[in-house]
Amino acid sequence: MQRSKQQAMMFLLGTVLVGGVLGFSADRVFRTDPKNWVGRTRMYDDLGLSEAQRVRMDSLLDDRVCQINAVMKPVRPHLDSIKKTAHQQMLQILTPDQQQKLEMRRKEMERKDSVEKARRDSIAAKTMNACKG
């Protein structure tokens, strides 16, 4: 019995860690805010790129984002399902007071995520034509 509990805990820990890594990675990949442009500009400046090289590099990087978005689109529902299952399993481990605290954190994160998603969606709508064309 003890071994199965340990295996379940290791599975949960692994799921949380993988989810965190995927979330962090996806955030870095899909972030399309102006800060990215600042990072690009800094990289271009550090490399000493000419204006022609910057234009070509922008096209390559934008195309990469479009390709990654296309790959991630069918995967997102599965990732969401994994997160939901792990969350339900975590709730089973916690006391009622801990569950309430976790739910408060989750709701705050959802609120922040929905604001960020709305911002991303408005930017994505502007750049969607670039992916199609």
N, C-alpha and C. Protein backbone atom coordinates (compact mmCIF):
# COMPACT_ATOMS: atom_id res chain seq x y z
N MET A 1 0.82 -1.19 0.00
CA MET A 1 0.00 0.00 0.00
C MET A 1 0.87 1.26 0.00
N GLN A 2 1.93 1.24 0.81
CA GLN A 2 2.83 2.38 0.90
C GLN A 2 3.50 2.65 -0.44
N ARG A 3 3.87 1.60 -1.14
CA ARG A 3 4.54 1.75 -2.44
C ARG A 3 3.62 2.42 -3.45
N SER A 4 2.35 2.05 -3.47
CA SER A 4 1.43 2.66 -4.43
C SER A 4 1.19 4.14 -4.11
N LYS A 5 1.20 4.47 -2.83
CA LYS A 5 1.08 5.89 -2.45
C LYS A 5 2.30 6.67 -2.93
N GLN A 6 3.47 6.08 -2.76
CA GLN A 6 4.69 6.73 -3.22
C GLN A 6 4.68 6.90 -4.73
N GLN A 7 4.23 5.88 -5.43
CA GLN A 7 4.15 5.98 -6.89
C GLN A 7 3.16 7.06 -7.31
N ALA A 8 2.02 7.14 -6.62
CA ALA A 8 1.03 8.16 -6.94
C ALA A 8 1.60 9.56 -6.70
N MET A 9 2.31 9.72 -5.59
CA MET A 9 2.92 11.02 -5.29
C MET A 9 3.98 11.38 -6.32
N MET A 10 4.77 10.42 -6.73
CA MET A 10 5.80 10.68 -7.74
C MET A 10 5.15 11.04 -9.07
N PHE A 11 4.06 10.35 -9.41
CA PHE A 11 3.33 10.67 -10.63
C PHE A 11 2.79 12.09 -10.57
N LEU A 12 2.19 12.46 -9.44
CA LEU A 12 1.66 13.81 -9.29
C LEU A 12 2.77 14.86 -9.38
N LEU A 13 3.87 14.59 -8.70
CA LEU A 13 4.99 15.52 -8.75
C LEU A 13 5.51 15.66 -10.18
N GLY A 14 5.65 14.53 -10.87
CA GLY A 14 6.10 14.57 -12.26
C GLY A 14 5.14 15.34 -13.14
N THR A 15 3.84 15.13 -12.94
CA THR A 15 2.83 15.82 -13.73
C THR A 15 2.91 17.33 -13.50
N VAL A 16 3.03 17.72 -12.23
CA VAL A 16 3.13 19.14 -11.90
C VAL A 16 4.39 19.74 -12.52
N LEU A 17 5.51 19.04 -12.41
CA LEU A 17 6.76 19.55 -12.97
C LEU A 17 6.69 19.66 -14.49
N VAL A 18 6.17 18.63 -15.14
CA VAL A 18 6.05 18.67 -16.60
C VAL A 18 5.10 19.79 -17.02
N GLY A 19 3.99 19.91 -16.30
CA GLY A 19 3.05 21.00 -16.61
C GLY A 19 3.68 22.36 -16.45
N GLY A 20 4.47 22.51 -15.39
CA GLY A 20 5.15 23.79 -15.17
C GLY A 20 6.15 24.10 -16.27
N VAL A 21 6.92 23.10 -16.65
CA VAL A 21 7.92 23.29 -17.71
C VAL A 21 7.22 23.62 -19.03
N LEU A 22 6.17 22.86 -19.35
CA LEU A 22 5.43 23.13 -20.59
C LEU A 22 4.80 24.51 -20.57
N GLY A 23 4.23 24.87 -19.43
CA GLY A 23 3.61 26.19 -19.33
C GLY A 23 4.63 27.30 -19.49
N PHE A 24 5.77 27.16 -18.82
CA PHE A 24 6.82 28.15 -18.93
C PHE A 24 7.34 28.24 -20.35
N SER A 25 7.57 27.09 -20.96
CA SER A 25 8.07 27.06 -22.34
C SER A 25 7.06 27.67 -23.30
N ALA A 26 5.82 27.29 -23.14
CA ALA A 26 4.77 27.82 -24.02
C ALA A 26 4.66 29.33 -23.86
N ASP A 27 4.78 29.80 -22.62
CA ASP A 27 4.72 31.24 -22.39
C ASP A 27 5.84 31.95 -23.14
N ARG A 28 7.02 31.38 -23.09
CA ARG A 28 8.16 31.99 -23.79
C ARG A 28 7.98 31.94 -25.31
N VAL A 29 7.44 30.85 -25.80
CA VAL A 29 7.28 30.67 -27.24
C VAL A 29 6.17 31.54 -27.79
N PHE A 30 5.05 31.58 -27.07
CA PHE A 30 3.86 32.24 -27.60
C PHE A 30 3.71 33.69 -27.19
N ARG A 31 4.60 34.18 -26.37
CA ARG A 31 4.50 35.57 -25.96
C ARG A 31 4.69 36.45 -27.18
N THR A 32 3.69 37.26 -27.46
CA THR A 32 3.74 38.12 -28.64
C THR A 32 3.55 39.58 -28.26
N ASP A 33 4.04 39.95 -27.11
CA ASP A 33 3.88 41.33 -26.68
C ASP A 33 5.05 42.17 -27.14
N PRO A 34 4.96 43.48 -26.99
CA PRO A 34 6.04 44.36 -27.44
C PRO A 34 7.38 44.07 -26.79
N LYS A 35 7.39 43.45 -25.61
CA LYS A 35 8.66 43.12 -24.97
C LYS A 35 9.50 42.22 -25.86
N ASN A 36 8.83 41.33 -26.60
CA ASN A 36 9.55 40.46 -27.53
C ASN A 36 10.31 41.28 -28.55
N TRP A 37 9.69 42.34 -29.02
CA TRP A 37 10.36 43.19 -30.01
C TRP A 37 11.58 43.86 -29.40
N VAL A 38 11.48 44.23 -28.13
CA VAL A 38 12.64 44.81 -27.46
C VAL A 38 13.76 43.78 -27.42
N GLY A 39 13.41 42.53 -27.10
CA GLY A 39 14.41 41.47 -27.08
C GLY A 39 15.01 41.23 -28.44
N ARG A 40 14.15 41.24 -29.46
CA ARG A 40 14.67 41.07 -30.83
C ARG A 40 15.61 42.19 -31.19
N THR A 41 15.18 43.41 -30.90
CA THR A 41 16.01 44.57 -31.24
C THR A 41 17.36 44.49 -30.55
N ARG A 42 17.35 44.09 -29.29
CA ARG A 42 18.62 43.96 -28.54
C ARG A 42 19.50 42.90 -29.19
N MET A 43 18.89 41.76 -29.56
CA MET A 43 19.66 40.69 -30.21
C MET A 43 20.22 41.19 -31.55
N TYR A 44 19.38 41.87 -32.31
CA TYR A 44 19.83 42.39 -33.62
C TYR A 44 20.98 43.36 -33.43
N ASP A 45 20.86 44.23 -32.43
CA ASP A 45 21.93 45.20 -32.15
C ASP A 45 23.21 44.49 -31.74
N ASP A 46 23.07 43.47 -30.86
CA ASP A 46 24.25 42.73 -30.40
C ASP A 46 24.94 42.03 -31.56
N LEU A 47 24.15 41.52 -32.51
CA LEU A 47 24.72 40.83 -33.66
C LEU A 47 25.20 41.79 -34.74
N GLY A 48 24.80 43.04 -34.62
CA GLY A 48 25.20 44.03 -35.62
C GLY A 48 24.54 43.80 -36.96
N LEU A 49 23.26 43.42 -36.96
CA LEU A 49 22.55 43.12 -38.21
C LEU A 49 22.23 44.39 -38.99
N SER A 50 22.32 44.29 -40.29
CA SER A 50 21.92 45.39 -41.15
C SER A 50 20.39 45.42 -41.19
N GLU A 51 19.84 46.48 -41.76
CA GLU A 51 18.38 46.60 -41.85
C GLU A 51 17.79 45.46 -42.69
N ALA A 52 18.47 45.10 -43.77
CA ALA A 52 17.99 44.00 -44.61
C ALA A 52 18.00 42.68 -43.83
N GLN A 53 19.04 42.46 -43.05
CA GLN A 53 19.11 41.24 -42.24
C GLN A 53 18.01 41.22 -41.17
N ARG A 54 17.72 42.40 -40.59
CA ARG A 54 16.67 42.48 -39.57
C ARG A 54 15.31 42.13 -40.17
N VAL A 55 15.04 42.62 -41.35
CA VAL A 55 13.76 42.33 -42.00
C VAL A 55 13.64 40.83 -42.27
N ARG A 56 14.70 40.22 -42.79
CA ARG A 56 14.67 38.78 -43.07
C ARG A 56 14.56 37.97 -41.78
N MET A 57 15.27 38.41 -40.73
CA MET A 57 15.21 37.71 -39.44
C MET A 57 13.80 37.83 -38.85
N ASP A 58 13.19 39.01 -38.94
CA ASP A 58 11.81 39.17 -38.46
C ASP A 58 10.88 38.19 -39.16
N SER A 59 11.04 38.07 -40.48
CA SER A 59 10.19 37.15 -41.24
C SER A 59 10.39 35.71 -40.78
N LEU A 60 11.63 35.31 -40.58
CA LEU A 60 11.92 33.96 -40.11
C LEU A 60 11.31 33.69 -38.73
N LEU A 61 11.50 34.64 -37.82
CA LEU A 61 10.99 34.45 -36.46
C LEU A 61 9.46 34.47 -36.44
N ASP A 62 8.85 35.35 -37.22
CA ASP A 62 7.39 35.38 -37.28
C ASP A 62 6.85 34.08 -37.86
N ASP A 63 7.52 33.56 -38.88
CA ASP A 63 7.10 32.29 -39.48
C ASP A 63 7.24 31.15 -38.47
N ARG A 64 8.29 31.20 -37.69
CA ARG A 64 8.48 30.18 -36.65
C ARG A 64 7.33 30.21 -35.65
N VAL A 65 6.91 31.39 -35.24
CA VAL A 65 5.79 31.52 -34.30
C VAL A 65 4.52 30.93 -34.93
N CYS A 66 4.27 31.21 -36.19
CA CYS A 66 3.10 30.66 -36.88
C CYS A 66 3.15 29.14 -36.91
N GLN A 67 4.30 28.58 -37.21
CA GLN A 67 4.44 27.13 -37.25
C GLN A 67 4.24 26.50 -35.88
N ILE A 68 4.79 27.11 -34.86
CA ILE A 68 4.63 26.59 -33.50
C ILE A 68 3.18 26.67 -33.07
N ASN A 69 2.51 27.77 -33.38
CA ASN A 69 1.09 27.90 -33.05
C ASN A 69 0.28 26.80 -33.73
N ALA A 70 0.60 26.50 -34.97
CA ALA A 70 -0.12 25.46 -35.70
C ALA A 70 0.09 24.09 -35.06
N VAL A 71 1.30 23.82 -34.59
CA VAL A 71 1.60 22.55 -33.94
C VAL A 71 0.91 22.45 -32.58
N MET A 72 0.89 23.53 -31.84
CA MET A 72 0.34 23.52 -30.48
C MET A 72 -1.19 23.52 -30.45
N LYS A 73 -1.82 24.00 -31.48
CA LYS A 73 -3.29 24.12 -31.47
C LYS A 73 -3.99 22.81 -31.12
N PRO A 74 -3.67 21.68 -31.77
CA PRO A 74 -4.36 20.44 -31.42
C PRO A 74 -3.90 19.85 -30.08
N VAL A 75 -2.77 20.29 -29.55
CA VAL A 75 -2.23 19.74 -28.32
C VAL A 75 -2.80 20.44 -27.08
N ARG A 76 -3.18 21.69 -27.22
CA ARG A 76 -3.64 22.47 -26.07
C ARG A 76 -4.76 21.80 -25.28
N PRO A 77 -5.81 21.25 -25.94
CA PRO A 77 -6.87 20.60 -25.14
C PRO A 77 -6.34 19.44 -24.29
N HIS A 78 -5.41 18.69 -24.84
CA HIS A 78 -4.83 17.58 -24.08
C HIS A 78 -4.04 18.10 -22.88
N LEU A 79 -3.27 19.15 -23.07
CA LEU A 79 -2.52 19.75 -21.97
C LEU A 79 -3.48 20.26 -20.89
N ASP A 80 -4.57 20.89 -21.31
CA ASP A 80 -5.56 21.38 -20.36
C ASP A 80 -6.16 20.23 -19.56
N SER A 81 -6.40 19.11 -20.22
CA SER A 81 -6.95 17.93 -19.55
C SER A 81 -5.97 17.40 -18.50
N ILE A 82 -4.71 17.36 -18.84
CA ILE A 82 -3.68 16.90 -17.90
C ILE A 82 -3.64 17.81 -16.68
N LYS A 83 -3.69 19.12 -16.91
CA LYS A 83 -3.67 20.07 -15.80
C LYS A 83 -4.89 19.89 -14.90
N LYS A 84 -6.06 19.71 -15.50
CA LYS A 84 -7.29 19.56 -14.73
C LYS A 84 -7.24 18.29 -13.88
N THR A 85 -6.80 17.19 -14.46
CA THR A 85 -6.70 15.92 -13.73
C THR A 85 -5.73 16.05 -12.56
N ALA A 86 -4.56 16.64 -12.81
CA ALA A 86 -3.57 16.82 -11.74
C ALA A 86 -4.13 17.71 -10.64
N HIS A 87 -4.88 18.74 -11.01
CA HIS A 87 -5.47 19.64 -10.02
C HIS A 87 -6.46 18.88 -9.13
N GLN A 88 -7.30 18.06 -9.74
CA GLN A 88 -8.26 17.27 -8.97
C GLN A 88 -7.53 16.31 -8.02
N GLN A 89 -6.44 15.73 -8.48
CA GLN A 89 -5.67 14.82 -7.63
C GLN A 89 -5.00 15.58 -6.48
N MET A 90 -4.55 16.79 -6.75
CA MET A 90 -3.95 17.61 -5.69
C MET A 90 -4.98 17.94 -4.62
N LEU A 91 -6.19 18.26 -5.04
CA LEU A 91 -7.24 18.59 -4.08
C LEU A 91 -7.50 17.44 -3.12
N GLN A 92 -7.36 16.22 -3.59
CA GLN A 92 -7.59 15.05 -2.75
C GLN A 92 -6.53 14.93 -1.64
N ILE A 93 -5.38 15.49 -1.85
CA ILE A 93 -4.28 15.41 -0.89
C ILE A 93 -4.43 16.47 0.22
N LEU A 94 -5.06 17.59 -0.12
CA LEU A 94 -5.09 18.75 0.77
C LEU A 94 -6.23 18.70 1.77
N THR A 95 -6.03 19.42 2.88
CA THR A 95 -7.10 19.61 3.86
C THR A 95 -8.09 20.63 3.28
N PRO A 96 -9.29 20.72 3.83
CA PRO A 96 -10.27 21.71 3.32
C PRO A 96 -9.72 23.14 3.31
N ASP A 97 -8.98 23.52 4.36
CA ASP A 97 -8.40 24.87 4.40
C ASP A 97 -7.37 25.05 3.28
N GLN A 98 -6.54 24.05 3.07
CA GLN A 98 -5.54 24.11 2.00
C GLN A 98 -6.21 24.13 0.63
N GLN A 99 -7.29 23.37 0.49
CA GLN A 99 -8.04 23.36 -0.77
C GLN A 99 -8.57 24.75 -1.08
N GLN A 100 -9.10 25.39 -0.07
CA GLN A 100 -9.65 26.74 -0.26
C GLN A 100 -8.54 27.71 -0.69
N LYS A 101 -7.39 27.62 -0.05
CA LYS A 101 -6.26 28.48 -0.42
C LYS A 101 -5.81 28.21 -1.86
N LEU A 102 -5.72 26.92 -2.21
CA LEU A 102 -5.32 26.56 -3.57
C LEU A 102 -6.33 27.09 -4.58
N GLU A 103 -7.61 26.96 -4.28
CA GLU A 103 -8.66 27.44 -5.19
C GLU A 103 -8.58 28.95 -5.36
N MET A 104 -8.27 29.67 -4.29
CA MET A 104 -8.12 31.12 -4.39
C MET A 104 -6.96 31.47 -5.31
N ARG A 105 -5.87 30.74 -5.16
CA ARG A 105 -4.70 30.97 -6.04
C ARG A 105 -5.05 30.66 -7.49
N ARG A 106 -5.77 29.53 -7.69
CA ARG A 106 -6.14 29.11 -9.04
C ARG A 106 -7.03 30.17 -9.70
N LYS A 107 -8.00 30.68 -8.95
CA LYS A 107 -8.91 31.69 -9.50
C LYS A 107 -8.17 32.97 -9.85
N GLU A 108 -7.21 33.36 -9.02
CA GLU A 108 -6.42 34.55 -9.31
C GLU A 108 -5.57 34.33 -10.57
N MET A 109 -4.99 33.14 -10.68
CA MET A 109 -4.20 32.83 -11.89
C MET A 109 -5.09 32.82 -13.12
N GLU A 110 -6.30 32.25 -13.00
CA GLU A 110 -7.24 32.24 -14.13
C GLU A 110 -7.61 33.66 -14.55
N ARG A 111 -7.81 34.52 -13.55
CA ARG A 111 -8.15 35.92 -13.86
C ARG A 111 -7.01 36.58 -14.63
N LYS A 112 -5.79 36.41 -14.14
CA LYS A 112 -4.63 36.98 -14.81
C LYS A 112 -4.47 36.38 -16.21
N ASP A 113 -4.66 35.06 -16.30
CA ASP A 113 -4.53 34.38 -17.59
C ASP A 113 -5.57 34.87 -18.59
N SER A 114 -6.80 35.12 -18.11
CA SER A 114 -7.84 35.56 -19.04
C SER A 114 -7.55 36.96 -19.56
N VAL A 115 -6.99 37.82 -18.70
CA VAL A 115 -6.60 39.15 -19.14
C VAL A 115 -5.47 39.04 -20.17
N GLU A 116 -4.49 38.18 -19.86
CA GLU A 116 -3.36 37.99 -20.79
C GLU A 116 -3.83 37.36 -22.09
N LYS A 117 -4.76 36.40 -22.00
CA LYS A 117 -5.27 35.75 -23.21
C LYS A 117 -6.01 36.74 -24.10
N ALA A 118 -6.80 37.61 -23.50
CA ALA A 118 -7.51 38.63 -24.28
C ALA A 118 -6.51 39.53 -25.00
N ARG A 119 -5.44 39.90 -24.31
CA ARG A 119 -4.42 40.75 -24.93
C ARG A 119 -3.72 40.01 -26.06
N ARG A 120 -3.37 38.71 -25.80
CA ARG A 120 -2.71 37.91 -26.83
C ARG A 120 -3.61 37.72 -28.04
N ASP A 121 -4.90 37.46 -27.77
CA ASP A 121 -5.84 37.23 -28.86
C ASP A 121 -5.97 38.46 -29.75
N SER A 122 -5.96 39.65 -29.13
CA SER A 122 -6.06 40.86 -29.94
C SER A 122 -4.81 41.04 -30.80
N ILE A 123 -3.66 40.70 -30.25
CA ILE A 123 -2.42 40.78 -31.02
C ILE A 123 -2.41 39.69 -32.09
N ALA A 124 -2.86 38.48 -31.71
CA ALA A 124 -2.87 37.36 -32.65
C ALA A 124 -3.78 37.65 -33.83
N ALA A 125 -4.90 38.32 -33.58
CA ALA A 125 -5.81 38.64 -34.66
C ALA A 125 -5.11 39.55 -35.68
N LYS A 126 -4.27 40.42 -35.19
CA LYS A 126 -3.54 41.33 -36.09
C LYS A 126 -2.49 40.57 -36.90
N THR A 127 -1.87 39.57 -36.27
CA THR A 127 -0.78 38.85 -36.93
C THR A 127 -1.27 37.59 -37.63
N MET A 128 -2.54 37.22 -37.45
CA MET A 128 -3.06 36.00 -38.04
C MET A 128 -2.95 36.03 -39.57
N ASN A 129 -3.18 37.18 -40.14
CA ASN A 129 -3.06 37.30 -41.59
C ASN A 129 -1.65 36.97 -42.06
N ALA A 130 -0.67 37.31 -41.22
CA ALA A 130 0.72 36.99 -41.58
C ALA A 130 0.93 35.48 -41.65
N CYS A 131 0.27 34.74 -40.76
CA CYS A 131 0.41 33.28 -40.75
C CYS A 131 -0.30 32.65 -41.95
N LYS A 132 -1.39 33.26 -42.36
CA LYS A 132 -2.15 32.71 -43.49
C LYS A 132 -1.51 33.08 -44.83
N GLY A 133 -0.86 34.23 -44.86
CA GLY A 133 -0.34 34.71 -46.14
C GLY A 133 1.02 34.32 -46.37
